[in-house]
PDB file of N, CA and C in Angstrom:
ATOM      1  N   MET A   1      -0.302  -6.855  -1.960  1.00  0.00           N
ATOM      2  CA  MET A   1       1.735  -6.742  -2.070  1.00  0.00           C
ATOM      3  C   MET A   1       2.225  -7.607  -3.114  1.00  0.00           C
ATOM      4  N   THR A   2       3.092  -6.402  -3.979  1.00  0.00           N
ATOM      5  CA  THR A   2       3.558  -7.010  -5.100  1.00  0.00           C
ATOM      6  C   THR A   2       4.883  -7.275  -4.587  1.00  0.00           C
ATOM      7  N   LYS A   3       5.655  -6.181  -4.194  1.00  0.00           N
ATOM      8  CA  LYS A   3       7.442  -5.909  -4.220  1.00  0.00           C
ATOM      9  C   LYS A   3       7.522  -5.060  -2.434  1.00  0.00           C
ATOM     10  N   LEU A   4       8.143  -6.044  -1.787  1.00  0.00           N
ATOM     11  CA  LEU A   4       7.953  -5.139  -0.316  1.00  0.00           C
ATOM     12  C   LEU A   4       9.832  -4.751   0.108  1.00  0.00           C
ATOM     13  N   PHE A   5      10.307  -3.698   0.637  1.00  0.00           N
ATOM     14  CA  PHE A   5      11.561  -3.812   0.782  1.00  0.00           C
ATOM     15  C   PHE A   5      12.305  -3.846   1.876  1.00  0.00           C
ATOM     16  N   GLU A   6      13.046  -3.721   2.791  1.00  0.00           N
ATOM     17  CA  GLU A   6      13.325  -3.667   3.764  1.00  0.00           C
ATOM     18  C   GLU A   6      13.630  -2.093   3.975  1.00  0.00           C
ATOM     19  N   ASP A   7      13.472  -1.782   3.770  1.00  0.00           N
ATOM     20  CA  ASP A   7      13.991  -0.292   3.870  1.00  0.00           C
ATOM     21  C   ASP A   7      12.306   0.618   3.705  1.00  0.00           C
ATOM     22  N   GLY A   8      11.084  -0.024   3.599  1.00  0.00           N
ATOM     23  CA  GLY A   8       9.928   0.588   4.157  1.00  0.00           C
ATOM     24  C   GLY A   8       9.041   0.933   3.221  1.00  0.00           C
ATOM     25  N   TYR A   9       9.022   0.620   2.822  1.00  0.00           N
ATOM     26  CA  TYR A   9       8.141   0.874   1.237  1.00  0.00           C
ATOM     27  C   TYR A   9       8.073  -0.264   0.454  1.00  0.00           C
ATOM     28  N   GLY A  10       7.067  -0.576  -0.391  1.00  0.00           N
ATOM     29  CA  GLY A  10       6.285  -2.058  -1.530  1.00  0.00           C
ATOM     30  C   GLY A  10       5.687  -0.675  -2.183  1.00  0.00           C
ATOM     31  N   PHE A  11       5.800  -1.970  -3.272  1.00  0.00           N
ATOM     32  CA  PHE A  11       4.055  -1.692  -4.768  1.00  0.00           C
ATOM     33  C   PHE A  11       3.406  -2.217  -4.354  1.00  0.00           C
ATOM     34  N   ILE A  12       1.710  -1.893  -5.189  1.00  0.00           N
ATOM     35  CA  ILE A  12       0.982  -2.574  -5.259  1.00  0.00           C
ATOM     36  C   ILE A  12       0.460  -2.388  -6.645  1.00  0.00           C
ATOM     37  N   GLU A  13       0.474  -4.372  -6.755  1.00  0.00           N
ATOM     38  CA  GLU A  13      -0.077  -3.982  -8.275  1.00  0.00           C
ATOM     39  C   GLU A  13      -2.138  -4.183  -8.516  1.00  0.00           C
ATOM     40  N   THR A  14      -2.542  -3.782  -9.158  1.00  0.00           N
ATOM     41  CA  THR A  14      -4.027  -3.408  -9.137  1.00  0.00           C
ATOM     42  C   THR A  14      -4.508  -4.723 -10.371  1.00  0.00           C
ATOM     43  N   PRO A  15      -5.675  -4.665 -10.728  1.00  0.00           N
ATOM     44  CA  PRO A  15      -6.017  -6.324 -11.110  1.00  0.00           C
ATOM     45  C   PRO A  15      -6.008  -5.431 -12.750  1.00  0.00           C
ATOM     46  N   ASP A  16      -5.708  -4.938 -13.235  1.00  0.00           N
ATOM     47  CA  ASP A  16      -5.574  -3.877 -13.924  1.00  0.00           C
ATOM     48  C   ASP A  16      -4.472  -3.443 -14.634  1.00  0.00           C
ATOM     49  N   GLY A  17      -2.570  -3.991 -14.150  1.00  0.00           N
ATOM     50  CA  GLY A  17      -1.934  -3.806 -13.755  1.00  0.00           C
ATOM     51  C   GLY A  17      -1.016  -2.821 -13.637  1.00  0.00           C
ATOM     52  N   ARG A  18      -2.470  -0.889 -13.515  1.00  0.00           N
ATOM     53  CA  ARG A  18      -0.903   0.088 -12.613  1.00  0.00           C
ATOM     54  C   ARG A  18      -0.694  -0.080 -11.616  1.00  0.00           C
ATOM     55  N   GLU A  19       0.838  -0.572 -11.352  1.00  0.00           N
ATOM     56  CA  GLU A  19       1.594  -0.033  -9.567  1.00  0.00           C
ATOM     57  C   GLU A  19       1.622   1.245  -9.794  1.00  0.00           C
ATOM     58  N   PHE A  20       2.047   0.618  -8.160  1.00  0.00           N
ATOM     59  CA  PHE A  20       1.274   2.362  -7.007  1.00  0.00           C
ATOM     60  C   PHE A  20       2.419   2.029  -6.332  1.00  0.00           C
ATOM     61  N   TYR A  21       3.511   3.052  -5.851  1.00  0.00           N
ATOM     62  CA  TYR A  21       4.244   2.951  -4.552  1.00  0.00           C
ATOM     63  C   TYR A  21       3.496   2.987  -4.343  1.00  0.00           C
ATOM     64  N   PHE A  22       4.328   3.322  -3.119  1.00  0.00           N
ATOM     65  CA  PHE A  22       4.225   3.128  -1.211  1.00  0.00           C
ATOM     66  C   PHE A  22       5.242   3.136  -0.330  1.00  0.00           C
ATOM     67  N   HIS A  23       5.091   4.366   0.063  1.00  0.00           N
ATOM     68  CA  HIS A  23       5.485   4.608   1.981  1.00  0.00           C
ATOM     69  C   HIS A  23       4.912   3.874   3.210  1.00  0.00           C
ATOM     70  N   ARG A  24       6.362   2.895   4.136  1.00  0.00           N
ATOM     71  CA  ARG A  24       5.017   2.618   5.570  1.00  0.00           C
ATOM     72  C   ARG A  24       4.721   4.228   5.951  1.00  0.00           C
ATOM     73  N   GLU A  25       5.012   5.017   5.715  1.00  0.00           N
ATOM     74  CA  GLU A  25       4.196   6.467   6.161  1.00  0.00           C
ATOM     75  C   GLU A  25       2.939   6.747   5.743  1.00  0.00           C
ATOM     76  N   ASN A  26       2.789   5.778   5.105  1.00  0.00           N
ATOM     77  CA  ASN A  26       0.877   5.536   4.160  1.00  0.00           C
ATOM     78  C   ASN A  26       0.307   4.517   4.987  1.00  0.00           C
ATOM     79  N   LEU A  27       1.109   4.139   5.487  1.00  0.00           N
ATOM     80  CA  LEU A  27       0.438   2.169   5.351  1.00  0.00           C
ATOM     81  C   LEU A  27      -0.539   2.814   6.671  1.00  0.00           C
ATOM     82  N   ILE A  28      -2.414   2.651   6.421  1.00  0.00           N
ATOM     83  CA  ILE A  28      -2.659   2.475   8.131  1.00  0.00           C
ATOM     84  C   ILE A  28      -2.740   1.398   9.204  1.00  0.00           C
ATOM     85  N   TYR A  29      -2.993   0.352   8.299  1.00  0.00           N
ATOM     86  CA  TYR A  29      -3.182  -0.782   9.300  1.00  0.00           C
ATOM     87  C   TYR A  29      -3.296  -1.620   8.467  1.00  0.00           C
ATOM     88  N   PRO A  30      -2.168  -3.079   8.452  1.00  0.00           N
ATOM     89  CA  PRO A  30      -1.082  -2.480   9.669  1.00  0.00           C
ATOM     90  C   PRO A  30       0.536  -3.349   9.854  1.00  0.00           C
ATOM     91  N   GLU A  31       1.360  -2.442  10.815  1.00  0.00           N
ATOM     92  CA  GLU A  31       2.191  -2.366  10.486  1.00  0.00           C
ATOM     93  C   GLU A  31       2.770  -2.651   9.284  1.00  0.00           C
ATOM     94  N   PHE A  32       4.330  -1.856   8.411  1.00  0.00           N
ATOM     95  CA  PHE A  32       4.824  -2.357   7.428  1.00  0.00           C
ATOM     96  C   PHE A  32       5.438  -4.159   7.655  1.00  0.00           C
ATOM     97  N   ASP A  33       6.235  -4.534   8.723  1.00  0.00           N
ATOM     98  CA  ASP A  33       7.332  -5.225   9.275  1.00  0.00           C
ATOM     99  C   ASP A  33       5.755  -6.785   9.359  1.00  0.00           C
ATOM    100  N   ARG A  34       4.672  -6.523   9.598  1.00  0.00           N
ATOM    101  CA  ARG A  34       3.275  -7.532   9.659  1.00  0.00           C
ATOM    102  C   ARG A  34       2.662  -7.066   7.626  1.00  0.00           C
ATOM    103  N   LEU A  35       3.397  -6.618   6.776  1.00  0.00           N
ATOM    104  CA  LEU A  35       2.303  -7.507   5.411  1.00  0.00           C
ATOM    105  C   LEU A  35       3.706  -8.643   4.555  1.00  0.00           C
ATOM    106  N   ASP A  36       3.033  -8.985   4.021  1.00  0.00           N
ATOM    107  CA  ASP A  36       3.481 -10.008   3.002  1.00  0.00           C
ATOM    108  C   ASP A  36       2.475 -10.049   1.672  1.00  0.00           C
ATOM    109  N   ILE A  37       4.302 -10.128   1.054  1.00  0.00           N
ATOM    110  CA  ILE A  37       2.986 -10.123  -0.698  1.00  0.00           C
ATOM    111  C   ILE A  37       2.166 -11.063  -0.373  1.00  0.00           C
ATOM    112  N   GLY A  38       1.172 -11.059  -1.476  1.00  0.00           N
ATOM    113  CA  GLY A  38       0.353 -11.373  -2.066  1.00  0.00           C
ATOM    114  C   GLY A  38      -0.958 -10.365  -0.874  1.00  0.00           C
ATOM    115  N   THR A  39      -0.787  -9.465   0.287  1.00  0.00           N
ATOM    116  CA  THR A  39      -2.032  -9.720   0.676  1.00  0.00           C
ATOM    117  C   THR A  39      -2.719  -8.553   0.075  1.00  0.00           C
ATOM    118  N   GLU A  40      -3.731  -8.552   0.413  1.00  0.00           N
ATOM    119  CA  GLU A  40      -4.968  -7.486  -0.286  1.00  0.00           C
ATOM    120  C   GLU A  40      -5.271  -6.719   0.237  1.00  0.00           C
ATOM    121  N   VAL A  41      -5.062  -5.228  -0.262  1.00  0.00           N
ATOM    122  CA  VAL A  41      -4.862  -4.069   0.044  1.00  0.00           C
ATOM    123  C   VAL A  41      -6.047  -3.090  -0.286  1.00  0.00           C
ATOM    124  N   GLN A  42      -5.935  -1.987   0.563  1.00  0.00           N
ATOM    125  CA  GLN A  42      -7.612  -1.143  -0.087  1.00  0.00           C
ATOM    126  C   GLN A  42      -6.021   0.469   0.167  1.00  0.00           C
ATOM    127  N   PHE A  43      -6.429   1.723  -0.951  1.00  0.00           N
ATOM    128  CA  PHE A  43      -5.741   2.603  -0.611  1.00  0.00           C
ATOM    129  C   PHE A  43      -7.154   3.338  -1.995  1.00  0.00           C
ATOM    130  N   LEU A  44      -5.646   4.971  -1.451  1.00  0.00           N
ATOM    131  CA  LEU A  44      -6.618   5.866  -2.773  1.00  0.00           C
ATOM    132  C   LEU A  44      -5.283   6.032  -2.957  1.00  0.00           C
ATOM    133  N   GLU A  45      -5.921   6.279  -4.949  1.00  0.00           N
ATOM    134  CA  GLU A  45      -4.812   7.016  -5.611  1.00  0.00           C
ATOM    135  C   GLU A  45      -4.072   8.308  -5.407  1.00  0.00           C
ATOM    136  N   ASP A  46      -3.025   8.446  -6.086  1.00  0.00           N
ATOM    137  CA  ASP A  46      -2.649   9.767  -5.775  1.00  0.00           C
ATOM    138  C   ASP A  46      -1.158   9.618  -6.821  1.00  0.00           C
ATOM    139  N   ALA A  47      -1.288  10.269  -8.079  1.00  0.00           N
ATOM    140  CA  ALA A  47      -0.711  10.510  -9.139  1.00  0.00           C
ATOM    141  C   ALA A  47       0.181  11.454  -9.234  1.00  0.00           C
ATOM    142  N   ALA A  48       1.051  11.688  -8.475  1.00  0.00           N
ATOM    143  CA  ALA A  48       2.634  12.177  -8.227  1.00  0.00           C
ATOM    144  C   ALA A  48       3.934  12.881  -8.767  1.00  0.00           C
ATOM    145  N   GLY A  49       4.950  13.431  -8.898  1.00  0.00           N
ATOM    146  CA  GLY A  49       5.751  14.528  -9.516  1.00  0.00           C
ATOM    147  C   GLY A  49       6.726  12.794 -10.764  1.00  0.00           C
ATOM    148  N   GLU A  50       6.319  10.947  -9.574  1.00  0.00           N
ATOM    149  CA  GLU A  50       6.979  10.565 -10.055  1.00  0.00           C
ATOM    150  C   GLU A  50       6.608   9.205  -9.703  1.00  0.00           C
ATOM    151  N   GLY A  51       5.240   9.367 -10.281  1.00  0.00           N
ATOM    152  CA  GLY A  51       4.468   8.682 -10.611  1.00  0.00           C
ATOM    153  C   GLY A  51       3.711   7.732 -10.171  1.00  0.00           C
ATOM    154  N   LEU A  52       2.632   6.523 -10.593  1.00  0.00           N
ATOM    155  CA  LEU A  52       1.312   6.867  -9.334  1.00  0.00           C
ATOM    156  C   LEU A  52       2.108   6.702  -7.120  1.00  0.00           C
ATOM    157  N   GLN A  53       1.078   6.848  -6.829  1.00  0.00           N
ATOM    158  CA  GLN A  53       1.319   6.324  -5.236  1.00  0.00           C
ATOM    159  C   GLN A  53       0.257   5.787  -5.018  1.00  0.00           C
ATOM    160  N   ALA A  54       0.566   5.512  -4.599  1.00  0.00           N
ATOM    161  CA  ALA A  54      -1.089   5.004  -3.180  1.00  0.00           C
ATOM    162  C   ALA A  54      -1.194   4.539  -1.275  1.00  0.00           C
ATOM    163  N   LYS A  55      -1.821   5.602  -0.775  1.00  0.00           N
ATOM    164  CA  LYS A  55      -2.238   6.855   0.318  1.00  0.00           C
ATOM    165  C   LYS A  55      -2.862   6.603   1.329  1.00  0.00           C
ATOM    166  N   ARG A  56      -2.862   6.289   2.005  1.00  0.00           N
ATOM    167  CA  ARG A  56      -4.490   5.040   3.107  1.00  0.00           C
ATOM    168  C   ARG A  56      -4.119   3.609   2.745  1.00  0.00           C
ATOM    169  N   VAL A  57      -3.011   3.305   2.213  1.00  0.00           N
ATOM    170  CA  VAL A  57      -2.957   1.416   2.660  1.00  0.00           C
ATOM    171  C   VAL A  57      -3.848   1.080   3.531  1.00  0.00           C
ATOM    172  N   SER A  58      -4.220   0.158   3.350  1.00  0.00           N
ATOM    173  CA  SER A  58      -5.080  -0.829   4.738  1.00  0.00           C
ATOM    174  C   SER A  58      -4.845  -1.945   3.756  1.00  0.00           C
ATOM    175  N   ALA A  59      -5.025  -2.555   5.109  1.00  0.00           N
ATOM    176  CA  ALA A  59      -5.113  -4.859   4.434  1.00  0.00           C
ATOM    177  C   ALA A  59      -6.111  -5.235   6.169  1.00  0.00           C
ATOM    178  N   GLY A  60      -6.117  -5.814   5.868  1.00  0.00           N
ATOM    179  CA  GLY A  60      -7.885  -6.473   6.245  1.00  0.00           C
ATOM    180  C   GLY A  60      -9.043  -6.320   6.164  1.00  0.00           C
ATOM    181  N   LYS A  61      -9.531  -6.264   7.198  1.00  0.00           N
ATOM    182  CA  LYS A  61     -11.126  -6.253   7.692  1.00  0.00           C
ATOM    183  C   LYS A  61     -10.759  -5.673   8.996  1.00  0.00           C
ATOM    184  N   HIS A  62     -10.621  -3.923   9.093  1.00  0.00           N
ATOM    185  CA  HIS A  62     -10.550  -3.313  10.533  1.00  0.00           C
ATOM    186  C   HIS A  62     -11.230  -2.719  10.116  1.00  0.00           C
ATOM    187  N   HIS A  63     -12.022  -2.131  11.141  1.00  0.00           N
ATOM    188  CA  HIS A  63     -12.871   0.170  11.724  1.00  0.00           C
ATOM    189  C   HIS A  63     -11.712   0.945  11.331  1.00  0.00           C
ATOM    190  N   LEU A  64     -11.701   1.521  11.117  1.00  0.00           N
ATOM    191  CA  LEU A  64     -11.476   2.652  10.317  1.00  0.00           C
ATOM    192  C   LEU A  64     -11.511   3.481  11.688  1.00  0.00           C
ATOM    193  N   PRO A  65     -10.630   4.211  12.288  1.00  0.00           N
ATOM    194  CA  PRO A  65     -11.633   5.396  13.259  1.00  0.00           C
ATOM    195  C   PRO A  65     -11.428   6.749  12.750  1.00  0.00           C
ATOM    196  N   GLU A  66     -13.118   7.221  12.919  1.00  0.00           N
ATOM    197  CA  GLU A  66     -13.546   8.922  12.480  1.00  0.00           C
ATOM    198  C   GLU A  66     -12.995   9.655  12.485  1.00  0.00           C
TER     199      GLU A  66
END
């Protein structure tokens, strides 16, 4: 995570410098209020009309339900 906003959205920067927008509705784990700047996450890339977006964002080691 590189930017988090109280309104429930933020931005993720990849190692190659691309920046992805995400909304709390696209967060799988943990809850938005438990995220911190610098948290490493995994996500699916989506190129939307407004730019790059992150979908199915998750942080930490956990088991995703099947």
